[in-house]
């Protein structure tokens, strides 16, 4: 009896493993197909720069967060900007087909943005950035002030800290970086443990429990669109190690809008407070809830605030 039960358990385990691997393989084929042929690549002194663009109107440089790429930039553009602007979404160093060189810095990434805009014949652009796209976006405004018409920071990383809350956020970041090293590990964790993964991503259980279907759909799209992760792993590692801009952002002169949730456990709210205190004339709009998926939770309000900011900052 015991031997028969053990045999059935082994067979069931093998069959379940085959099914899981088959579903994973199918999802990875779809993920790689989703990004194939959707971007362009140019050579630069900073390596290859991958980008996508769309829409028509005033130029807006959309800078993705950790785990993203040009495709996440395109998603942010669609969710926040629509087609009323000419959005330009690069893949940062180490993401997808953009080169990562050992020793690269966020300063180098900022210079790469300027090179890309030169290539496209864009003299000046508004900048919208998400999460860990914040450091290089801020340094772009510092190092190339004449190129930045306005700056919008959504749940953005800004400054380093050594307190206990930041230590916990760093542990979450390290766990995410480890998961992001392999396609299967990211797919398995984000699929089978979606709730726990959302918590790692800086969203509290209280927010997760109250997501509407539309909010959940956009949140799921953000998470699922980070597949495949193996071609983004170098970028995630770079983000985790590169130095934050900290007090250097005092040199930002572009009109700056800061959007951040107080309950974000990944990029803590103090990033927004620091930016608002240091960047002259900046405007902070805080949200009581939304965590690090504020974009999904408050999409309509963010869209309206960004549109207002772009219009107010546009040349007369």
C-alpha atoms as a PDB file:
ATOM      1  CA  UNK A   1       0.000   0.000   0.000  1.00  0.00           C
ATOM      2  CA  UNK A   2       2.726   2.449   1.045  1.00  0.00           C
ATOM      3  CA  UNK A   3       4.854   1.644  -2.015  1.00  0.00           C
ATOM      4  CA  UNK A   4       1.860   2.149  -4.322  1.00  0.00           C
ATOM      5  CA  UNK A   5       1.094   5.540  -2.712  1.00  0.00           C
ATOM      6  CA  UNK A   6       4.719   6.590  -3.005  1.00  0.00           C
ATOM      7  CA  UNK A   7       4.750   5.620  -6.672  1.00  0.00           C
ATOM      8  CA  UNK A   8       1.605   7.634  -7.350  1.00  0.00           C
ATOM      9  CA  UNK A   9       3.117  10.645  -5.568  1.00  0.00           C
ATOM     10  CA  UNK A  10       6.231  10.415  -7.687  1.00  0.00           C
ATOM     11  CA  UNK A  11       4.187  10.164 -10.882  1.00  0.00           C
ATOM     12  CA  UNK A  12       1.995  13.113  -9.807  1.00  0.00           C
ATOM     13  CA  UNK A  13       5.073  15.196  -8.995  1.00  0.00           C
ATOM     14  CA  UNK A  14       6.671  14.438 -12.347  1.00  0.00           C
ATOM     15  CA  UNK A  15       3.459  15.242 -14.224  1.00  0.00           C
ATOM     16  CA  UNK A  16       2.996  18.488 -12.268  1.00  0.00           C
ATOM     17  CA  UNK A  17       6.592  19.469 -13.027  1.00  0.00           C
ATOM     18  CA  UNK A  18       6.054  18.814 -16.727  1.00  0.00           C
ATOM     19  CA  UNK A  19       2.897  20.935 -16.736  1.00  0.00           C
ATOM     20  CA  UNK A  20       4.593  23.795 -14.846  1.00  0.00           C
ATOM     21  CA  UNK A  21       7.582  23.764 -17.193  1.00  0.00           C
ATOM     22  CA  UNK A  22       5.307  23.673 -20.243  1.00  0.00           C
ATOM     23  CA  UNK A  23       3.331  26.698 -19.006  1.00  0.00           C
ATOM     24  CA  UNK A  24       6.565  28.517 -18.152  1.00  0.00           C
ATOM     25  CA  UNK A  25       7.999  27.783 -21.609  1.00  0.00           C
ATOM     26  CA  UNK A  26       4.810  29.037 -23.274  1.00  0.00           C
ATOM     27  CA  UNK A  27       4.811  32.254 -21.215  1.00  0.00           C
ATOM     28  CA  UNK A  28       8.499  32.881 -21.943  1.00  0.00           C
ATOM     29  CA  UNK A  29       7.961  32.448 -25.683  1.00  0.00           C
ATOM     30  CA  UNK A  30       5.196  35.033 -25.488  1.00  0.00           C
ATOM     31  CA  UNK A  31       7.344  37.354 -23.366  1.00  0.00           C
ATOM     32  CA  UNK A  32      10.290  37.276 -25.766  1.00  0.00           C
ATOM     33  CA  UNK A  33       7.960  37.684 -28.732  1.00  0.00           C
ATOM     34  CA  UNK A  34       6.332  40.713 -27.085  1.00  0.00           C
ATOM     35  CA  UNK A  35       9.574  42.715 -27.114  1.00  0.00           C
ATOM     36  CA  UNK A  36      10.990  41.399 -30.404  1.00  0.00           C
ATOM     37  CA  UNK A  37      11.134  44.002 -33.160  1.00  0.00           C
ATOM     38  CA  UNK A  38       9.504  46.726 -31.037  1.00  0.00           C
ATOM     39  CA  UNK A  39      12.593  48.876 -30.496  1.00  0.00           C
ATOM     40  CA  UNK A  40      15.618  50.405 -32.224  1.00  0.00           C
ATOM     41  CA  UNK A  41      19.284  50.375 -31.202  1.00  0.00           C
ATOM     42  CA  UNK A  42      21.946  53.018 -31.801  1.00  0.00           C
ATOM     43  CA  UNK A  43      25.663  52.962 -31.008  1.00  0.00           C
ATOM     44  CA  UNK A  44      27.093  55.583 -28.666  1.00  0.00           C
ATOM     45  CA  UNK A  45      30.219  56.275 -26.579  1.00  0.00           C
ATOM     46  CA  UNK A  46      28.276  54.626 -23.724  1.00  0.00           C
ATOM     47  CA  UNK A  47      27.530  51.437 -25.652  1.00  0.00           C
ATOM     48  CA  UNK A  48      24.370  50.462 -27.466  1.00  0.00           C
ATOM     49  CA  UNK A  49      21.252  52.425 -26.550  1.00  0.00           C
ATOM     50  CA  UNK A  50      17.898  50.766 -27.143  1.00  0.00           C
ATOM     51  CA  UNK A  51      14.760  52.859 -27.381  1.00  0.00           C
ATOM     52  CA  UNK A  52      11.180  52.993 -28.605  1.00  0.00           C
ATOM     53  CA  UNK A  53       9.040  55.994 -29.409  1.00  0.00           C
ATOM     54  CA  UNK A  54       5.454  56.830 -30.229  1.00  0.00           C
ATOM     55  CA  UNK A  55       2.764  59.463 -30.202  1.00  0.00           C
ATOM     56  CA  UNK A  56       3.025  62.968 -31.615  1.00  0.00           C
ATOM     57  CA  UNK A  57       3.510  66.361 -30.041  1.00  0.00           C
ATOM     58  CA  UNK A  58       5.943  67.787 -27.517  1.00  0.00           C
ATOM     59  CA  UNK A  59       8.807  65.366 -26.727  1.00  0.00           C
ATOM     60  CA  UNK A  60       8.777  63.514 -23.405  1.00  0.00           C
ATOM     61  CA  UNK A  61      11.625  61.253 -22.283  1.00  0.00           C
ATOM     62  CA  UNK A  62      10.116  58.378 -20.254  1.00  0.00           C
ATOM     63  CA  UNK A  63      12.619  56.601 -18.005  1.00  0.00           C
ATOM     64  CA  UNK A  64      11.702  53.185 -16.614  1.00  0.00           C
ATOM     65  CA  UNK A  65      12.290  51.717 -13.180  1.00  0.00           C
ATOM     66  CA  UNK A  66      14.168  48.646 -11.976  1.00  0.00           C
ATOM     67  CA  UNK A  67      13.121  45.503 -13.816  1.00  0.00           C
ATOM     68  CA  UNK A  68      11.889  47.527 -16.770  1.00  0.00           C
ATOM     69  CA  UNK A  69      13.190  48.501 -20.177  1.00  0.00           C
ATOM     70  CA  UNK A  70      11.838  50.370 -23.183  1.00  0.00           C
ATOM     71  CA  UNK A  71       8.664  48.302 -22.859  1.00  0.00           C
ATOM     72  CA  UNK A  72       7.987  49.504 -19.315  1.00  0.00           C
ATOM     73  CA  UNK A  73       8.646  53.048 -20.498  1.00  0.00           C
ATOM     74  CA  UNK A  74       6.078  52.527 -23.242  1.00  0.00           C
ATOM     75  CA  UNK A  75       3.620  51.172 -20.658  1.00  0.00           C
ATOM     76  CA  UNK A  76       4.148  54.248 -18.447  1.00  0.00           C
ATOM     77  CA  UNK A  77       3.691  56.504 -21.474  1.00  0.00           C
ATOM     78  CA  UNK A  78       0.417  54.788 -22.341  1.00  0.00           C
ATOM     79  CA  UNK A  79      -0.846  54.859 -18.748  1.00  0.00           C
ATOM     80  CA  UNK A  80       0.170  58.447 -17.966  1.00  0.00           C
ATOM     81  CA  UNK A  81       0.682  60.378 -21.208  1.00  0.00           C
ATOM     82  CA  UNK A  82      -1.355  58.776 -23.975  1.00  0.00           C
ATOM     83  CA  UNK A  83      -0.620  59.729 -27.582  1.00  0.00           C
ATOM     84  CA  UNK A  84      -0.809  63.493 -27.140  1.00  0.00           C
ATOM     85  CA  UNK A  85       2.980  63.734 -26.812  1.00  0.00           C
ATOM     86  CA  UNK A  86       5.988  62.294 -28.628  1.00  0.00           C
ATOM     87  CA  UNK A  87       7.219  59.866 -26.004  1.00  0.00           C
ATOM     88  CA  UNK A  88      10.747  58.425 -26.119  1.00  0.00           C
ATOM     89  CA  UNK A  89      11.444  55.379 -23.951  1.00  0.00           C
ATOM     90  CA  UNK A  90      15.059  54.154 -23.677  1.00  0.00           C
ATOM     91  CA  UNK A  91      16.222  50.964 -22.016  1.00  0.00           C
ATOM     92  CA  UNK A  92      18.712  51.943 -19.325  1.00  0.00           C
ATOM     93  CA  UNK A  93      22.165  50.337 -18.979  1.00  0.00           C
ATOM     94  CA  UNK A  94      21.941  46.547 -18.703  1.00  0.00           C
ATOM     95  CA  UNK A  95      18.299  46.336 -19.709  1.00  0.00           C
ATOM     96  CA  UNK A  96      17.320  44.317 -22.775  1.00  0.00           C
ATOM     97  CA  UNK A  97      19.575  45.452 -25.652  1.00  0.00           C
ATOM     98  CA  UNK A  98      21.222  48.443 -23.955  1.00  0.00           C
ATOM     99  CA  UNK A  99      24.862  47.872 -23.020  1.00  0.00           C
ATOM    100  CA  UNK A 100      26.143  47.718 -19.458  1.00  0.00           C
ATOM    101  CA  UNK A 101      29.854  48.387 -18.833  1.00  0.00           C
ATOM    102  CA  UNK A 102      31.532  47.673 -15.506  1.00  0.00           C
ATOM    103  CA  UNK A 103      32.144  50.919 -13.696  1.00  0.00           C
ATOM    104  CA  UNK A 104      29.216  52.713 -15.326  1.00  0.00           C
ATOM    105  CA  UNK A 105      27.433  55.327 -13.207  1.00  0.00           C
ATOM    106  CA  UNK A 106      24.112  57.125 -13.217  1.00  0.00           C
ATOM    107  CA  UNK A 107      26.053  60.118 -14.528  1.00  0.00           C
ATOM    108  CA  UNK A 108      27.029  58.071 -17.587  1.00  0.00           C
ATOM    109  CA  UNK A 109      23.399  57.084 -18.034  1.00  0.00           C
ATOM    110  CA  UNK A 110      22.403  60.755 -17.925  1.00  0.00           C
ATOM    111  CA  UNK A 111      24.933  61.559 -20.659  1.00  0.00           C
ATOM    112  CA  UNK A 112      23.531  58.659 -22.709  1.00  0.00           C
ATOM    113  CA  UNK A 113      20.081  60.290 -22.595  1.00  0.00           C
ATOM    114  CA  UNK A 114      21.593  63.452 -24.072  1.00  0.00           C
ATOM    115  CA  UNK A 115      23.228  61.405 -26.836  1.00  0.00           C
ATOM    116  CA  UNK A 116      19.909  59.736 -27.641  1.00  0.00           C
ATOM    117  CA  UNK A 117      18.097  63.061 -27.843  1.00  0.00           C
ATOM    118  CA  UNK A 118      20.859  64.380 -30.128  1.00  0.00           C
ATOM    119  CA  UNK A 119      20.371  61.359 -32.382  1.00  0.00           C
ATOM    120  CA  UNK A 120      16.632  62.053 -32.560  1.00  0.00           C
ATOM    121  CA  UNK A 121      17.107  65.765 -33.165  1.00  0.00           C
ATOM    122  CA  UNK A 122      15.363  66.686 -29.905  1.00  0.00           C
ATOM    123  CA  UNK A 123      16.854  69.753 -28.259  1.00  0.00           C
ATOM    124  CA  UNK A 124      14.682  69.816 -25.134  1.00  0.00           C
ATOM    125  CA  UNK A 125      12.239  67.365 -23.605  1.00  0.00           C
ATOM    126  CA  UNK A 126      10.076  66.916 -20.556  1.00  0.00           C
ATOM    127  CA  UNK A 127      11.200  63.967 -18.431  1.00  0.00           C
ATOM    128  CA  UNK A 128       8.872  61.513 -16.671  1.00  0.00           C
ATOM    129  CA  UNK A 129      10.472  58.816 -14.582  1.00  0.00           C
ATOM    130  CA  UNK A 130       9.371  55.883 -12.441  1.00  0.00           C
ATOM    131  CA  UNK A 131      10.988  54.292  -9.394  1.00  0.00           C
ATOM    132  CA  UNK A 132      14.723  53.668  -9.837  1.00  0.00           C
ATOM    133  CA  UNK A 133      14.737  55.636 -13.050  1.00  0.00           C
ATOM    134  CA  UNK A 134      14.805  58.594 -10.666  1.00  0.00           C
ATOM    135  CA  UNK A 135      18.567  58.858 -10.030  1.00  0.00           C
ATOM    136  CA  UNK A 136      19.621  59.068 -13.677  1.00  0.00           C
ATOM    137  CA  UNK A 137      16.682  61.360 -14.528  1.00  0.00           C
ATOM    138  CA  UNK A 138      17.669  63.757 -11.742  1.00  0.00           C
ATOM    139  CA  UNK A 139      21.303  63.713 -12.848  1.00  0.00           C
ATOM    140  CA  UNK A 140      20.221  64.352 -16.436  1.00  0.00           C
ATOM    141  CA  UNK A 141      18.547  67.522 -15.154  1.00  0.00           C
ATOM    142  CA  UNK A 142      21.705  68.406 -13.201  1.00  0.00           C
ATOM    143  CA  UNK A 143      24.245  67.694 -15.954  1.00  0.00           C
ATOM    144  CA  UNK A 144      22.188  68.830 -18.958  1.00  0.00           C
ATOM    145  CA  UNK A 145      19.879  71.511 -17.557  1.00  0.00           C
ATOM    146  CA  UNK A 146      19.164  73.044 -20.949  1.00  0.00           C
ATOM    147  CA  UNK A 147      17.744  69.758 -22.225  1.00  0.00           C
ATOM    148  CA  UNK A 148      15.060  69.299 -19.535  1.00  0.00           C
ATOM    149  CA  UNK A 149      11.820  71.263 -19.910  1.00  0.00           C
ATOM    150  CA  UNK A 150      10.285  69.723 -16.798  1.00  0.00           C
ATOM    151  CA  UNK A 151      10.785  66.749 -14.496  1.00  0.00           C
ATOM    152  CA  UNK A 152       8.181  64.392 -13.043  1.00  0.00           C
ATOM    153  CA  UNK A 153       9.190  61.837 -10.402  1.00  0.00           C
ATOM    154  CA  UNK A 154       6.729  58.982  -9.782  1.00  0.00           C
ATOM    155  CA  UNK A 155       7.584  56.825  -6.735  1.00  0.00           C
ATOM    156  CA  UNK A 156      11.209  57.658  -7.492  1.00  0.00           C
ATOM    157  CA  UNK A 157      14.441  56.812  -5.726  1.00  0.00           C
ATOM    158  CA  UNK A 158      16.445  59.916  -4.862  1.00  0.00           C
ATOM    159  CA  UNK A 159      18.753  59.566  -1.869  1.00  0.00           C
ATOM    160  CA  UNK A 160      20.497  56.943   0.239  1.00  0.00           C
ATOM    161  CA  UNK A 161      19.840  56.464   3.956  1.00  0.00           C
ATOM    162  CA  UNK A 162      21.148  54.346   6.804  1.00  0.00           C
ATOM    163  CA  UNK A 163      18.124  54.139   9.104  1.00  0.00           C
ATOM    164  CA  UNK A 164      16.188  50.977   9.960  1.00  0.00           C
ATOM    165  CA  UNK A 165      13.348  51.554   7.485  1.00  0.00           C
ATOM    166  CA  UNK A 166      15.812  51.956   4.645  1.00  0.00           C
ATOM    167  CA  UNK A 167      17.639  48.803   5.740  1.00  0.00           C
ATOM    168  CA  UNK A 168      14.381  46.857   5.374  1.00  0.00           C
ATOM    169  CA  UNK A 169      13.720  48.434   1.971  1.00  0.00           C
ATOM    170  CA  UNK A 170      17.245  47.445   0.948  1.00  0.00           C
ATOM    171  CA  UNK A 171      16.568  43.851   1.984  1.00  0.00           C
ATOM    172  CA  UNK A 172      13.477  43.859  -0.219  1.00  0.00           C
ATOM    173  CA  UNK A 173      15.540  45.271  -3.074  1.00  0.00           C
ATOM    174  CA  UNK A 174      18.190  42.591  -2.617  1.00  0.00           C
ATOM    175  CA  UNK A 175      15.548  39.849  -2.612  1.00  0.00           C
ATOM    176  CA  UNK A 176      14.057  41.232  -5.817  1.00  0.00           C
ATOM    177  CA  UNK A 177      17.496  41.452  -7.419  1.00  0.00           C
ATOM    178  CA  UNK A 178      18.088  37.775  -6.629  1.00  0.00           C
ATOM    179  CA  UNK A 179      14.720  36.764  -8.099  1.00  0.00           C
ATOM    180  CA  UNK A 180      15.476  38.814 -11.225  1.00  0.00           C
ATOM    181  CA  UNK A 181      18.545  36.777 -12.152  1.00  0.00           C
ATOM    182  CA  UNK A 182      16.628  33.904 -13.803  1.00  0.00           C
ATOM    183  CA  UNK A 183      13.535  33.789 -15.990  1.00  0.00           C
ATOM    184  CA  UNK A 184      12.109  30.785 -14.155  1.00  0.00           C
ATOM    185  CA  UNK A 185      12.621  32.140 -10.635  1.00  0.00           C
ATOM    186  CA  UNK A 186      10.902  35.440 -11.449  1.00  0.00           C
ATOM    187  CA  UNK A 187       8.084  33.762 -13.349  1.00  0.00           C
ATOM    188  CA  UNK A 188       7.487  31.182 -10.612  1.00  0.00           C
ATOM    189  CA  UNK A 189       7.525  33.616  -7.693  1.00  0.00           C
ATOM    190  CA  UNK A 190       5.511  36.356  -9.395  1.00  0.00           C
ATOM    191  CA  UNK A 191       2.953  33.816 -10.653  1.00  0.00           C
ATOM    192  CA  UNK A 192       2.516  31.414  -7.747  1.00  0.00           C
ATOM    193  CA  UNK A 193       3.137  33.933  -4.949  1.00  0.00           C
ATOM    194  CA  UNK A 194       1.675  37.091  -6.481  1.00  0.00           C
ATOM    195  CA  UNK A 195       0.515  38.547  -3.169  1.00  0.00           C
ATOM    196  CA  UNK A 196       3.865  38.026  -1.474  1.00  0.00           C
ATOM    197  CA  UNK A 197       5.634  39.364  -4.536  1.00  0.00           C
ATOM    198  CA  UNK A 198       3.524  42.536  -4.464  1.00  0.00           C
ATOM    199  CA  UNK A 199       4.622  43.032  -0.850  1.00  0.00           C
ATOM    200  CA  UNK A 200       8.269  42.698  -1.916  1.00  0.00           C
ATOM    201  CA  UNK A 201       7.474  45.285  -4.585  1.00  0.00           C
ATOM    202  CA  UNK A 202       6.551  47.782  -1.894  1.00  0.00           C
ATOM    203  CA  UNK A 203       2.776  47.345  -1.648  1.00  0.00           C
ATOM    204  CA  UNK A 204       1.150  46.751   1.725  1.00  0.00           C
ATOM    205  CA  UNK A 205      -1.380  43.924   2.238  1.00  0.00           C
ATOM    206  CA  UNK A 206      -4.044  46.569   2.976  1.00  0.00           C
ATOM    207  CA  UNK A 207      -3.589  48.100  -0.476  1.00  0.00           C
ATOM    208  CA  UNK A 208      -3.470  44.691  -2.182  1.00  0.00           C
ATOM    209  CA  UNK A 209      -6.771  43.706  -0.543  1.00  0.00           C
ATOM    210  CA  UNK A 210      -8.585  46.786  -1.853  1.00  0.00           C
ATOM    211  CA  UNK A 211      -7.358  46.907  -5.464  1.00  0.00           C
ATOM    212  CA  UNK A 212     -10.211  47.357  -7.931  1.00  0.00           C
ATOM    213  CA  UNK A 213     -10.284  45.155 -11.054  1.00  0.00           C
ATOM    214  CA  UNK A 214      -8.839  47.998 -13.164  1.00  0.00           C
ATOM    215  CA  UNK A 215      -6.106  48.711 -10.639  1.00  0.00           C
ATOM    216  CA  UNK A 216      -5.270  45.028 -10.353  1.00  0.00           C
ATOM    217  CA  UNK A 217      -5.162  44.709 -14.138  1.00  0.00           C
ATOM    218  CA  UNK A 218      -2.594  47.513 -14.490  1.00  0.00           C
ATOM    219  CA  UNK A 219      -0.577  46.205 -11.532  1.00  0.00           C
ATOM    220  CA  UNK A 220      -0.533  42.729 -13.088  1.00  0.00           C
ATOM    221  CA  UNK A 221       0.539  44.205 -16.418  1.00  0.00           C
ATOM    222  CA  UNK A 222       3.460  45.999 -14.772  1.00  0.00           C
ATOM    223  CA  UNK A 223       4.603  42.780 -13.094  1.00  0.00           C
ATOM    224  CA  UNK A 224       4.008  40.431 -16.026  1.00  0.00           C
ATOM    225  CA  UNK A 225       5.654  42.793 -18.515  1.00  0.00           C
ATOM    226  CA  UNK A 226       8.953  42.457 -16.656  1.00  0.00           C
ATOM    227  CA  UNK A 227       9.184  38.955 -18.147  1.00  0.00           C
ATOM    228  CA  UNK A 228      11.678  37.922 -19.430  1.00  0.00           C
ATOM    229  CA  UNK A 229      13.997  39.061 -16.640  1.00  0.00           C
ATOM    230  CA  UNK A 230      17.270  37.389 -17.583  1.00  0.00           C
ATOM    231  CA  UNK A 231      17.856  40.082 -20.234  1.00  0.00           C
ATOM    232  CA  UNK A 232      17.278  42.747 -17.559  1.00  0.00           C
ATOM    233  CA  UNK A 233      19.315  41.193 -14.745  1.00  0.00           C
ATOM    234  CA  UNK A 234      22.482  43.241 -15.358  1.00  0.00           C
ATOM    235  CA  UNK A 235      20.436  46.430 -15.159  1.00  0.00           C
ATOM    236  CA  UNK A 236      18.779  45.418 -11.888  1.00  0.00           C
ATOM    237  CA  UNK A 237      22.185  44.637 -10.382  1.00  0.00           C
ATOM    238  CA  UNK A 238      23.515  47.996 -11.609  1.00  0.00           C
ATOM    239  CA  UNK A 239      20.584  49.832 -10.030  1.00  0.00           C
ATOM    240  CA  UNK A 240      21.193  48.100  -6.704  1.00  0.00           C
ATOM    241  CA  UNK A 241      24.862  49.129  -6.594  1.00  0.00           C
ATOM    242  CA  UNK A 242      25.153  52.555  -8.260  1.00  0.00           C
ATOM    243  CA  UNK A 243      25.495  55.647  -6.070  1.00  0.00           C
ATOM    244  CA  UNK A 244      22.389  57.771  -5.531  1.00  0.00           C
ATOM    245  CA  UNK A 245      22.512  61.475  -6.449  1.00  0.00           C
ATOM    246  CA  UNK A 246      21.699  62.669  -2.918  1.00  0.00           C
ATOM    247  CA  UNK A 247      22.490  66.383  -2.323  1.00  0.00           C
ATOM    248  CA  UNK A 248      23.564  66.923  -5.927  1.00  0.00           C
ATOM    249  CA  UNK A 249      19.914  67.348  -6.877  1.00  0.00           C
ATOM    250  CA  UNK A 250      20.012  70.839  -5.347  1.00  0.00           C
ATOM    251  CA  UNK A 251      21.331  71.887  -8.778  1.00  0.00           C
ATOM    252  CA  UNK A 252      18.085  70.862 -10.532  1.00  0.00           C
ATOM    253  CA  UNK A 253      16.437  73.928 -12.036  1.00  0.00           C
ATOM    254  CA  UNK A 254      13.708  72.296 -14.129  1.00  0.00           C
ATOM    255  CA  UNK A 255      10.125  72.625 -12.835  1.00  0.00           C
ATOM    256  CA  UNK A 256       9.740  69.425 -10.802  1.00  0.00           C
ATOM    257  CA  UNK A 257       6.617  67.489  -9.817  1.00  0.00           C
ATOM    258  CA  UNK A 258       7.030  64.761  -7.199  1.00  0.00           C
ATOM    259  CA  UNK A 259       4.339  62.076  -6.827  1.00  0.00           C
ATOM    260  CA  UNK A 260       4.767  59.540  -4.032  1.00  0.00           C
ATOM    261  CA  UNK A 261       2.728  57.354  -1.673  1.00  0.00           C
ATOM    262  CA  UNK A 262       3.396  57.594   2.050  1.00  0.00           C
ATOM    263  CA  UNK A 263       3.007  53.809   2.424  1.00  0.00           C
ATOM    264  CA  UNK A 264       5.620  52.885  -0.213  1.00  0.00           C
ATOM    265  CA  UNK A 265       7.882  50.311   1.457  1.00  0.00           C
ATOM    266  CA  UNK A 266      10.370  49.961  -1.422  1.00  0.00           C
ATOM    267  CA  UNK A 267      11.177  53.554  -2.386  1.00  0.00           C
ATOM    268  CA  UNK A 268      10.379  55.179   0.923  1.00  0.00           C
ATOM    269  CA  UNK A 269       8.425  58.428   1.175  1.00  0.00           C
ATOM    270  CA  UNK A 270      11.502  60.172   2.560  1.00  0.00           C
ATOM    271  CA  UNK A 271      12.845  60.159  -1.014  1.00  0.00           C
ATOM    272  CA  UNK A 272       9.989  62.463  -1.988  1.00  0.00           C
ATOM    273  CA  UNK A 273      10.418  64.628   1.115  1.00  0.00           C
ATOM    274  CA  UNK A 274      14.129  64.959   0.444  1.00  0.00           C
ATOM    275  CA  UNK A 275      13.576  65.917  -3.197  1.00  0.00           C
ATOM    276  CA  UNK A 276      10.908  68.466  -2.260  1.00  0.00           C
ATOM    277  CA  UNK A 277      13.168  70.022   0.360  1.00  0.00           C
ATOM    278  CA  UNK A 278      16.272  70.197  -1.845  1.00  0.00           C
ATOM    279  CA  UNK A 279      15.018  70.966  -5.385  1.00  0.00           C
ATOM    280  CA  UNK A 280      14.167  74.672  -5.625  1.00  0.00           C
ATOM    281  CA  UNK A 281      10.534  75.363  -6.468  1.00  0.00           C
ATOM    282  CA  UNK A 282       9.545  71.699  -6.643  1.00  0.00           C
ATOM    283  CA  UNK A 283       5.994  70.544  -5.900  1.00  0.00           C
ATOM    284  CA  UNK A 284       5.243  67.418  -3.864  1.00  0.00           C
ATOM    285  CA  UNK A 285       1.856  65.705  -4.158  1.00  0.00           C
ATOM    286  CA  UNK A 286       1.601  62.941  -1.568  1.00  0.00           C
ATOM    287  CA  UNK A 287      -0.848  60.036  -1.508  1.00  0.00           C
ATOM    288  CA  UNK A 288      -1.867  58.238   1.663  1.00  0.00           C
ATOM    289  CA  UNK A 289      -1.968  54.821  -0.002  1.00  0.00           C
ATOM    290  CA  UNK A 290      -0.775  53.083  -3.131  1.00  0.00           C
ATOM    291  CA  UNK A 291       2.640  51.781  -2.110  1.00  0.00           C
ATOM    292  CA  UNK A 292       5.164  51.337  -4.870  1.00  0.00           C
ATOM    293  CA  UNK A 293       2.358  50.609  -7.326  1.00  0.00           C
ATOM    294  CA  UNK A 294       0.999  54.137  -6.950  1.00  0.00           C
ATOM    295  CA  UNK A 295       0.834  54.411 -10.740  1.00  0.00           C
ATOM    296  CA  UNK A 296      -1.762  51.618 -10.836  1.00  0.00           C
ATOM    297  CA  UNK A 297      -3.691  52.720  -7.751  1.00  0.00           C
ATOM    298  CA  UNK A 298      -3.934  56.424  -8.646  1.00  0.00           C
ATOM    299  CA  UNK A 299      -3.613  56.299 -12.442  1.00  0.00           C
ATOM    300  CA  UNK A 300      -6.369  58.825 -13.213  1.00  0.00           C
ATOM    301  CA  UNK A 301      -5.136  61.430 -10.754  1.00  0.00           C
ATOM    302  CA  UNK A 302      -1.516  60.981 -11.762  1.00  0.00           C
ATOM    303  CA  UNK A 303      -2.444  61.317 -15.418  1.00  0.00           C
ATOM    304  CA  UNK A 304      -4.239  64.608 -14.688  1.00  0.00           C
ATOM    305  CA  UNK A 305      -1.412  65.975 -12.528  1.00  0.00           C
ATOM    306  CA  UNK A 306       1.248  65.123 -15.109  1.00  0.00           C
ATOM    307  CA  UNK A 307      -0.774  66.680 -17.933  1.00  0.00           C
ATOM    308  CA  UNK A 308      -1.190  69.866 -15.895  1.00  0.00           C
ATOM    309  CA  UNK A 309       2.535  69.931 -15.101  1.00  0.00           C
ATOM    310  CA  UNK A 310       3.581  69.443 -18.739  1.00  0.00           C
ATOM    311  CA  UNK A 311       1.303  72.238 -19.915  1.00  0.00           C
ATOM    312  CA  UNK A 312       2.426  74.632 -17.171  1.00  0.00           C
ATOM    313  CA  UNK A 313       6.088  73.941 -17.964  1.00  0.00           C
ATOM    314  CA  UNK A 314       5.797  74.129 -21.751  1.00  0.00           C
ATOM    315  CA  UNK A 315       7.472  77.049 -23.546  1.00  0.00           C
ATOM    316  CA  UNK A 316       5.094  79.929 -24.152  1.00  0.00           C
END
